[in-house]
Amino acid sequence: MAHSNTVFAQLLKLVPRHQFEVLAEQHHLGRRFRRTSRWSQFVALAMGQLSGRHSLRDVVANAAAQWSCWYHLGARRITRSTLARVNEQQPSAFYEALFGTLYRRCQPKAPGHRFRFKNPLYSIDSSLIDLSLKLFPWGHFALGKSAVKLHLGLDHGGYLPAFATITDSRTADIAVARTLSLPKGSIVVCDKGYDDYSWYTALTQQGVYFISRQKRGARYRVVERRTVNKSQGLICDQTIELTGLKSRKEPLAQLRRIAYRDAETGIRYVFLTNNFALAPSTIAACYKERWLIELFFKWIKQNLKIKAFLGTSKNAVMTQIWIALCVYLMLAYLKYLSRISGSLQHMIRLLQLNLFARRDLLALMHGDPPRPQPPDPQVQLAFI
């Protein structure tokens, strides 16, 4: 009769352990650990994400209750004070690097985007994560509020978070956008918060296409007009030159201006892009697809623990957010690798109920009935 390890142990095998330890060594601060490790920290906090734990004491108590299974995860027993100290003192940049490793591993398995063109398609946006000003005074925002800002780029091939940055709440979106290094030939979709002519110039020089909204009051001169299919909601398709004071200071080439009216809402949109090859209806559809990044922010806030935090220091908050993003990539990798038809929300609900059950992980995800397992020899030995 086949014997299965716990569902959690099988899920953790999706993390490349050798690369994990190399990154842990590179991002270690201070003396070497004697009774814990970064792997133990990751296992504890990932378990907290998947099982819905609400406090540090809750995480440690749950780990202690599952100690017979915990041993097989390769993690050491961890106390609440030790976990709190590691969360506060060890740099969260380690989990940022792990996030990049997991994305590069997951991205080749993900399906492509739904459009016919082959260019990589990204949407970029940011979202505030609210904090309590009393507990997190370092994150002061305004009007008695505290927050941090999660800047994120969504890869529409598989809808994966491709790059992310966590900053204080007052950092402008465009300031983070200027630091991005996007692959040549890719298309990036953004809203009015990223409307910056110098950034448009830099993207064009890098061979990156952008699709954005035109600001009201922008001054321009129409160079060419093209006919459009008005039955698709298109109003105009023009080649323009910007004539405003700020735009004249930039060596910005001619841009494409497309006006579109949404048939469902009746709202009129005006897009600016440096891509003259795609059909105007495709440009409008790409911008409409940008709404999925808003759904991504909503999903992680509802299904992962990035609203109630286990520590009050800035490093502990950032560590918890980065681990939540890593857990999302682990779930996405499992979904695409095994071709699971269920949604990520359904997967996380199954994991929450069966995290330490001894069942085959893929059979659980595919909805197969559980098979009887042989008795655990360690339980028998403890009974004797």
Protein backbone atom coordinates (compact mmCIF):
# COMPACT_ATOMS: atom_id res chain seq x y z
CA MET A 1 0.00 0.00 0.00
CA ALA A 2 1.45 3.37 -1.00
CA HIS A 3 2.45 5.80 1.74
CA SER A 4 2.11 9.55 1.17
CA ASN A 5 3.88 12.29 3.02
CA THR A 6 1.85 15.24 4.29
CA VAL A 7 0.28 17.57 1.73
CA PHE A 8 2.38 20.45 3.08
CA ALA A 9 5.63 18.49 2.67
CA GLN A 10 4.78 17.71 -0.94
CA LEU A 11 3.99 21.37 -1.61
CA LEU A 12 7.31 22.53 -0.12
CA LYS A 13 9.17 20.31 -2.58
CA LEU A 14 8.22 22.85 -5.24
CA VAL A 15 10.75 25.24 -3.66
CA PRO A 16 14.28 24.54 -5.02
CA ARG A 17 16.02 23.85 -1.71
CA HIS A 18 19.59 24.28 -2.96
CA GLN A 19 18.85 27.72 -4.41
CA PHE A 20 16.97 28.58 -1.21
CA GLU A 21 20.03 27.85 0.93
CA VAL A 22 22.35 29.76 -1.40
CA LEU A 23 20.13 32.84 -1.18
CA ALA A 24 19.81 32.41 2.60
CA GLU A 25 23.58 32.45 2.93
CA GLN A 26 23.88 35.55 0.75
CA HIS A 27 21.26 37.49 2.72
CA HIS A 28 22.20 36.41 6.24
CA LEU A 29 22.93 39.16 8.76
CA GLY A 30 24.94 38.71 11.96
CA ARG A 31 26.05 35.48 13.58
CA ARG A 32 25.09 32.05 12.32
CA PHE A 33 21.92 30.50 13.67
CA ARG A 34 22.31 27.91 16.40
CA ARG A 35 18.77 26.62 16.91
CA THR A 36 16.83 27.82 13.90
CA SER A 37 17.23 28.54 10.19
CA ARG A 38 15.69 30.62 7.41
CA TRP A 39 14.04 27.43 6.16
CA SER A 40 12.31 27.00 9.53
CA GLN A 41 11.15 30.62 9.32
CA PHE A 42 9.83 30.12 5.79
CA VAL A 43 8.04 26.87 6.68
CA ALA A 44 6.40 28.48 9.72
CA LEU A 45 5.21 31.60 7.89
CA ALA A 46 4.13 29.69 4.76
CA MET A 47 2.11 27.39 7.02
CA GLY A 48 0.57 30.49 8.59
CA GLN A 49 -0.39 31.79 5.14
CA LEU A 50 -1.98 28.51 4.01
CA SER A 51 -3.70 27.56 7.26
CA GLY A 52 -5.07 31.03 8.03
CA ARG A 53 -3.18 31.67 11.28
CA HIS A 54 -3.81 35.13 12.76
CA SER A 55 -0.97 35.66 15.23
CA LEU A 56 2.61 34.64 15.94
CA ARG A 57 1.48 32.64 18.95
CA ASP A 58 -1.07 30.88 16.76
CA VAL A 59 1.59 29.94 14.19
CA VAL A 60 3.97 28.53 16.81
CA ALA A 61 1.18 26.62 18.60
CA ASN A 62 0.06 25.05 15.34
CA ALA A 63 3.65 24.04 14.53
CA ALA A 64 4.06 22.48 17.98
CA ALA A 65 0.82 20.54 17.60
CA GLN A 66 2.09 19.08 14.32
CA TRP A 67 5.61 18.33 15.54
CA SER A 68 5.56 14.71 14.32
CA CYS A 69 4.91 16.05 10.79
CA TRP A 70 7.09 19.13 11.25
CA TYR A 71 10.23 17.00 11.57
CA HIS A 72 9.78 15.61 8.04
CA LEU A 73 9.60 19.13 6.58
CA GLY A 74 13.31 19.62 7.31
CA ALA A 75 12.52 22.43 9.75
CA ARG A 76 13.63 22.85 13.33
CA ARG A 77 11.38 23.48 16.31
CA ILE A 78 10.91 27.23 16.62
CA THR A 79 9.73 29.35 19.54
CA ARG A 80 7.67 32.51 19.40
CA SER A 81 10.53 34.75 20.59
CA THR A 82 12.96 33.24 18.08
CA LEU A 83 10.54 33.61 15.18
CA ALA A 84 9.78 37.21 16.17
CA ARG A 85 13.49 38.02 16.36
CA VAL A 86 14.26 36.48 12.96
CA ASN A 87 11.31 38.31 11.38
CA GLU A 88 12.56 41.60 12.77
CA GLN A 89 16.33 41.28 12.23
CA GLN A 90 16.97 39.11 9.17
CA PRO A 91 16.58 41.12 5.93
CA SER A 92 13.39 40.67 3.97
CA ALA A 93 15.46 41.09 0.78
CA PHE A 94 16.08 37.33 0.99
CA TYR A 95 12.42 36.59 0.25
CA GLU A 96 12.40 39.22 -2.48
CA ALA A 97 15.23 37.25 -4.15
CA LEU A 98 13.34 33.99 -3.57
CA PHE A 99 10.29 35.55 -5.21
CA GLY A 100 12.36 36.24 -8.34
CA THR A 101 13.69 32.66 -8.35
CA LEU A 102 10.21 31.17 -8.08
CA TYR A 103 8.87 33.41 -10.86
CA ARG A 104 11.65 32.40 -13.25
CA ARG A 105 10.88 28.76 -12.48
CA CYS A 106 7.12 29.18 -12.89
CA GLN A 107 7.00 31.40 -15.96
CA PRO A 108 8.02 28.76 -18.59
CA LYS A 109 5.18 26.48 -17.37
CA ALA A 110 2.51 29.17 -17.55
CA PRO A 111 0.20 29.50 -20.57
CA GLY A 112 0.52 32.50 -22.86
CA HIS A 113 -1.78 35.49 -22.83
CA ARG A 114 -5.04 35.41 -24.74
CA PHE A 115 -3.96 37.73 -27.58
CA ARG A 116 -2.57 36.67 -30.94
CA PHE A 117 0.58 38.78 -30.82
CA LYS A 118 3.71 37.17 -29.35
CA ASN A 119 5.01 40.13 -27.35
CA PRO A 120 5.06 39.68 -23.57
CA LEU A 121 2.23 41.69 -22.01
CA TYR A 122 2.48 43.28 -18.55
CA SER A 123 0.19 45.47 -16.48
CA ILE A 124 1.67 47.62 -13.72
CA ASP A 125 -0.12 49.22 -10.79
CA SER A 126 0.13 49.67 -7.03
CA SER A 127 -2.10 49.06 -4.03
CA LEU A 128 -2.05 50.41 -0.50
CA ILE A 129 -1.94 47.88 2.33
CA ASP A 130 -3.51 49.52 5.36
CA LEU A 131 -1.81 49.38 8.75
CA SER A 132 -2.69 50.60 12.22
CA LEU A 133 -0.98 53.92 12.95
CA LYS A 134 -0.76 53.03 16.64
CA LEU A 135 1.13 49.77 15.97
CA PHE A 136 3.00 50.85 12.81
CA PRO A 137 3.96 54.53 13.29
CA TRP A 138 6.82 54.17 10.79
CA GLY A 139 4.25 53.75 7.98
CA HIS A 140 2.45 57.08 8.59
CA PHE A 141 0.50 58.07 5.48
CA ALA A 142 -2.00 60.87 6.10
CA LEU A 143 -5.02 61.82 8.22
CA GLY A 144 -4.17 59.43 11.03
CA LYS A 145 -3.57 56.49 8.69
CA SER A 146 -0.62 54.18 8.17
CA ALA A 147 0.14 52.02 5.14
CA VAL A 148 2.73 50.49 2.85
CA LYS A 149 2.45 50.39 -0.93
CA LEU A 150 2.85 47.26 -3.02
CA HIS A 151 3.95 48.04 -6.58
CA LEU A 152 3.45 45.09 -8.89
CA GLY A 153 3.76 44.03 -12.51
CA LEU A 154 1.36 41.34 -13.66
CA ASP A 155 2.53 39.02 -16.44
CA HIS A 156 -0.57 38.21 -18.49
CA GLY A 157 1.01 34.91 -19.52
CA GLY A 158 -0.48 32.91 -16.66
CA TYR A 159 -1.40 36.08 -14.70
CA LEU A 160 1.71 35.82 -12.55
CA PRO A 161 3.28 38.60 -10.47
CA ALA A 162 6.44 39.16 -12.52
CA PHE A 163 8.06 41.89 -10.43
CA ALA A 164 7.14 43.62 -7.21
CA THR A 165 8.43 46.37 -4.94
CA ILE A 166 7.28 47.37 -1.46
CA THR A 167 7.72 51.03 -0.55
CA ASP A 168 6.37 53.56 1.89
CA SER A 169 2.89 54.81 1.13
CA ARG A 170 3.97 58.17 -0.27
CA THR A 171 6.27 56.84 -3.01
CA ALA A 172 4.93 57.83 -6.43
CA ASP A 173 4.09 55.05 -8.85
CA ILE A 174 6.16 56.60 -11.62
CA ALA A 175 9.25 56.69 -9.39
CA VAL A 176 9.13 52.90 -9.16
CA ALA A 177 8.27 52.51 -12.85
CA ARG A 178 11.48 54.32 -13.84
CA THR A 179 13.53 51.60 -12.10
CA LEU A 180 11.94 48.73 -14.07
CA SER A 181 13.92 46.82 -16.66
CA LEU A 182 11.43 45.32 -19.09
CA PRO A 183 12.37 42.88 -21.88
CA LYS A 184 12.75 44.37 -25.33
CA GLY A 185 9.61 44.06 -27.41
CA SER A 186 7.28 43.73 -24.43
CA ILE A 187 4.10 45.75 -23.99
CA VAL A 188 3.36 47.46 -20.67
CA VAL A 189 -0.14 48.73 -19.83
CA CYS A 190 -0.64 51.39 -17.15
CA ASP A 191 -3.11 54.04 -16.03
CA LYS A 192 -2.82 57.82 -15.74
CA GLY A 193 -0.61 57.60 -12.66
CA TYR A 194 2.28 56.61 -14.94
CA ASP A 195 1.77 59.37 -17.50
CA ASP A 196 5.28 60.78 -17.73
CA TYR A 197 6.85 61.88 -21.02
CA SER A 198 10.44 61.21 -19.93
CA TRP A 199 9.49 57.64 -19.00
CA TYR A 200 7.73 57.20 -22.36
CA THR A 201 10.94 58.34 -24.04
CA ALA A 202 13.04 55.87 -22.05
CA LEU A 203 10.69 52.98 -22.88
CA THR A 204 10.76 53.84 -26.58
CA GLN A 205 14.56 53.93 -26.57
CA GLN A 206 14.61 50.51 -24.86
CA GLY A 207 12.35 48.99 -27.51
CA VAL A 208 9.43 48.61 -25.08
CA TYR A 209 5.85 49.46 -26.08
CA PHE A 210 3.46 51.21 -23.70
CA ILE A 211 -0.32 51.67 -23.60
CA SER A 212 -1.54 54.39 -21.28
CA ARG A 213 -4.36 56.90 -20.81
CA GLN A 214 -3.99 60.43 -22.09
CA LYS A 215 -4.32 63.13 -19.48
CA ARG A 216 -7.01 65.73 -19.80
CA GLY A 217 -5.71 68.99 -21.16
CA ALA A 218 -2.78 67.42 -22.99
CA ARG A 219 -1.73 69.57 -25.94
CA TYR A 220 -1.01 67.88 -29.25
CA ARG A 221 -1.16 68.26 -33.03
CA VAL A 222 -2.77 65.64 -35.27
CA VAL A 223 -0.37 64.46 -38.00
CA GLU A 224 -2.43 61.66 -39.55
CA ARG A 225 -5.94 60.22 -39.24
CA ARG A 226 -6.92 56.62 -39.99
CA THR A 227 -10.37 55.17 -40.55
CA VAL A 228 -11.82 53.06 -37.75
CA ASN A 229 -14.64 50.57 -37.37
CA LYS A 230 -17.12 52.46 -35.22
CA SER A 231 -19.18 49.31 -34.62
CA GLN A 232 -16.31 48.15 -32.35
CA GLY A 233 -16.68 51.24 -30.19
CA LEU A 234 -13.71 53.04 -31.80
CA ILE A 235 -13.97 56.80 -32.24
CA CYS A 236 -10.63 57.73 -33.80
CA ASP A 237 -7.12 56.44 -34.57
CA GLN A 238 -4.58 59.23 -35.01
CA THR A 239 -0.86 59.90 -35.20
CA ILE A 240 -0.03 62.93 -33.06
CA GLU A 241 2.84 65.12 -31.92
CA LEU A 242 2.74 66.47 -28.39
CA THR A 243 3.09 70.24 -28.26
CA GLY A 244 2.95 70.97 -24.54
CA LEU A 245 5.80 72.72 -22.74
CA LYS A 246 6.98 69.61 -20.89
CA SER A 247 6.66 67.30 -23.89
CA ARG A 248 8.76 69.63 -26.08
CA LYS A 249 11.68 69.13 -23.68
CA GLU A 250 11.71 65.39 -24.44
CA PRO A 251 12.97 63.83 -27.70
CA LEU A 252 9.68 61.95 -27.93
CA ALA A 253 8.71 60.60 -31.35
CA GLN A 254 5.22 60.72 -32.76
CA LEU A 255 2.61 58.81 -30.76
CA ARG A 256 -0.59 57.03 -31.60
CA ARG A 257 -3.82 58.35 -30.10
CA ILE A 258 -6.89 56.07 -30.00
CA ALA A 259 -10.30 57.05 -28.64
CA TYR A 260 -12.70 54.29 -27.61
CA ARG A 261 -16.13 54.17 -25.97
CA ASP A 262 -17.01 51.15 -23.84
CA ALA A 263 -20.35 49.71 -24.94
CA GLU A 264 -21.22 48.45 -21.45
CA THR A 265 -20.47 51.55 -19.39
CA GLY A 266 -20.56 54.28 -22.02
CA ILE A 267 -17.25 55.67 -20.70
CA ARG A 268 -14.94 57.26 -23.26
CA TYR A 269 -11.25 56.35 -23.07
CA VAL A 270 -8.34 57.99 -24.87
CA PHE A 271 -5.18 55.90 -25.16
CA LEU A 272 -1.61 56.86 -26.01
CA THR A 273 0.82 54.28 -27.34
CA ASN A 274 4.04 54.01 -29.32
CA ASN A 275 2.83 50.81 -31.01
CA PHE A 276 1.62 51.41 -34.56
CA ALA A 277 1.39 47.72 -35.57
CA LEU A 278 -1.54 46.46 -33.48
CA ALA A 279 -5.14 47.04 -34.46
CA PRO A 280 -6.85 49.84 -32.49
CA SER A 281 -9.40 47.35 -31.12
CA THR A 282 -6.50 45.25 -29.78
CA ILE A 283 -5.02 48.31 -28.05
CA ALA A 284 -8.38 48.92 -26.35
CA ALA A 285 -8.66 45.23 -25.38
CA CYS A 286 -5.15 45.27 -23.86
CA TYR A 287 -6.09 48.21 -21.65
CA LYS A 288 -9.33 46.51 -20.65
CA GLU A 289 -7.24 43.48 -19.63
CA ARG A 290 -5.40 45.74 -17.17
CA TRP A 291 -8.35 45.33 -14.80
CA LEU A 292 -6.99 41.87 -13.93
CA ILE A 293 -4.21 43.40 -11.84
CA GLU A 294 -6.89 44.98 -9.65
CA LEU A 295 -8.45 41.53 -9.27
CA PHE A 296 -5.02 40.15 -8.32
CA PHE A 297 -4.65 42.68 -5.50
CA LYS A 298 -8.15 41.82 -4.32
CA TRP A 299 -7.39 38.07 -4.41
CA ILE A 300 -4.22 38.16 -2.34
CA LYS A 301 -5.82 40.45 0.25
CA GLN A 302 -8.78 38.09 0.62
CA ASN A 303 -6.97 34.73 0.50
CA LEU A 304 -3.48 35.36 1.92
CA LYS A 305 -2.37 37.04 5.12
CA ILE A 306 -1.21 40.53 4.16
CA LYS A 307 -3.74 42.55 6.18
CA ALA A 308 -3.12 41.19 9.70
CA PHE A 309 0.59 41.09 10.51
CA LEU A 310 2.63 38.92 12.86
CA GLY A 311 5.17 41.64 13.70
CA THR A 312 5.18 45.42 13.99
CA SER A 313 8.59 46.24 12.50
CA LYS A 314 8.94 47.28 8.87
CA ASN A 315 11.15 44.28 8.10
CA ALA A 316 8.61 41.85 9.60
CA VAL A 317 5.79 43.37 7.54
CA MET A 318 7.79 43.20 4.33
CA THR A 319 8.87 39.62 5.10
CA GLN A 320 5.24 38.54 5.48
CA ILE A 321 4.19 40.21 2.21
CA TRP A 322 7.08 38.67 0.26
CA ILE A 323 6.29 35.20 1.63
CA ALA A 324 2.64 35.66 0.62
CA LEU A 325 3.77 36.40 -2.95
CA CYS A 326 6.08 33.36 -2.86
CA VAL A 327 3.18 31.15 -1.74
CA TYR A 328 1.09 32.48 -4.63
CA LEU A 329 3.84 31.48 -7.10
CA MET A 330 4.07 28.02 -5.51
CA LEU A 331 0.34 27.51 -6.01
CA ALA A 332 0.51 28.80 -9.59
CA TYR A 333 3.47 26.51 -10.36
CA LEU A 334 1.57 23.52 -8.99
CA LYS A 335 -1.50 24.47 -11.04
CA TYR A 336 0.35 24.87 -14.34
CA LEU A 337 2.72 21.94 -13.84
CA SER A 338 -0.08 19.48 -13.04
CA ARG A 339 -2.79 21.08 -15.23
CA ILE A 340 -5.23 21.41 -12.36
CA SER A 341 -8.57 22.70 -13.58
CA GLY A 342 -9.68 24.25 -10.27
CA SER A 343 -9.11 27.89 -9.40
CA LEU A 344 -6.34 29.05 -7.08
CA GLN A 345 -8.99 29.97 -4.51
CA HIS A 346 -10.33 26.42 -4.59
CA MET A 347 -6.79 25.06 -4.25
CA ILE A 348 -6.01 27.19 -1.22
CA ARG A 349 -9.26 26.09 0.46
CA LEU A 350 -8.33 22.42 -0.05
CA LEU A 351 -4.86 23.05 1.35
CA GLN A 352 -6.23 24.85 4.38
CA LEU A 353 -8.37 21.81 5.28
CA ASN A 354 -5.78 19.13 4.43
CA LEU A 355 -2.41 20.76 5.07
CA PHE A 356 -1.08 18.02 7.36
CA ALA A 357 -3.14 15.16 5.98
CA ARG A 358 -1.20 12.24 4.52
CA ARG A 359 -2.65 12.31 1.04
CA ASP A 360 -1.31 12.53 -2.44
CA LEU A 361 -1.18 16.24 -3.28
CA LEU A 362 -2.15 15.90 -6.95
CA ALA A 363 -4.98 13.50 -6.18
CA LEU A 364 -6.30 16.01 -3.64
CA MET A 365 -6.13 18.87 -6.13
CA HIS A 366 -7.84 16.82 -8.86
CA GLY A 367 -10.65 15.84 -6.47
CA ASP A 368 -9.85 12.12 -6.31
CA PRO A 369 -11.23 10.29 -3.22
CA PRO A 370 -8.63 9.55 -0.50
CA ARG A 371 -7.04 6.13 -0.40
CA PRO A 372 -6.50 4.28 2.91
CA GLN A 373 -3.03 4.90 4.28
CA PRO A 374 -0.86 2.46 6.26
CA PRO A 375 -0.50 3.29 9.97
CA ASP A 376 2.28 5.74 10.77
CA PRO A 377 5.20 3.68 12.20
CA GLN A 378 6.27 6.58 14.42
CA VAL A 379 2.84 6.64 16.07
CA GLN A 380 3.04 2.88 16.66
CA LEU A 381 6.51 3.20 18.18
CA ALA A 382 5.38 6.01 20.49
CA PHE A 383 2.43 3.88 21.64
CA ILE A 384 4.72 0.95 22.46
